Amino acid sequence: MELWYTEEQTDSVRFSIKVDKPLYTGKSEFQRIDVFHSKEFGNFFTLDGLIMVTEKDEFIYHDMIVHVPMATNLKIKNVLVIGAGDGGTVRELTRYDSIENIDMVEIDKMVVDVCREYFPQTTCKLDDPRVHLYFEDGLRFIRSKENIYDLIIVDSTDPFGPGEGLFTKEFYGNCYKALKEDGILVNQHESPYYEEYAKSMQKAHKRIKELFPVCRVYQAHIPSYPSGHWLFGFASKTYDPLTDIDEQAWNSLGIKTKYYNTDIHKGSFALPNYVIDILANEGD
């Protein structure tokens, strides 16, 4: 008998992975959590039936959400990560000796506990002494913060369920307030390809653009994510990722990555015309 995991990416599109064996099923206070093993993607992790991370392609997402802002400002010392329960974002951040503090806020402790067991390759740096874990609502956590962080990374789920509040105007406004005068905000920005995902991206972009003087969008290609075409948002009070990147300085660090390099950094901001049109048509 064959066992397949199938994700409904839209009402008329499904994505399937042949499963060797299920590894874990549980339900937290917030969501259903499943872990499977497959020949093609290795272990993969789903929340409420949606893929969050796979062993095979996680490096693409985590490289791009971390190294783009870090290469733009190598003086970053204090970082807030919201979400990121799989630990991959923190893993990449800890590769920078210059970072002094990483606050990670994840609403669902069970996500971290399950990932520690089944995804040691991403959770391996959660016990770094610079990392401080907070298991609470990121929206609530950030409300009291002002002029603290050099970088905020919003590594959230999609804009419904536990992650819904992380796509609101209030949340982005609180991020702006929590950042220092030269602070950077990076968020996962959904896919531009399918209509519902594109609408969420469009709304998030509009809200961020109203707050930050520098607001750009960049892309990566992640096979296990809906359509494979995924966007990230980059916003800053001062830094422009295209003009402020110091390629020589970043390359001199000797950080070995599987996806990111400084050519990809520049090229990822060159968007297809259909994405430019969606961003220009800001919707409601």
Foldseek 3Di string as FASTA:
>chain_A
DWDKQWAPPDPPDIDIATFPAWDDWDADPFWTKTWTAGPPFGIWIDTNSATQDTNRFNQQVLCVLAVLVCLLPVQFAEEEEEALLLQQNVVVVVLRPNHQAYEYEHQTVVSNVVSVVRPCVRNVCCPPPRYDYHHRQPQVVLQPAAQAGQEYEYSADPCDTSNVVCQDLSSLVSVLRNHHLWHKYKYWQFACPDDVRLLSSLSSQVSNVVPAPEKAKFWDAGPRGVVRITMMIMGTNDTDSQPRRDQVVVVVSVDDGDHDHVVSSNVRRDDDPSSVVSNVCSDD
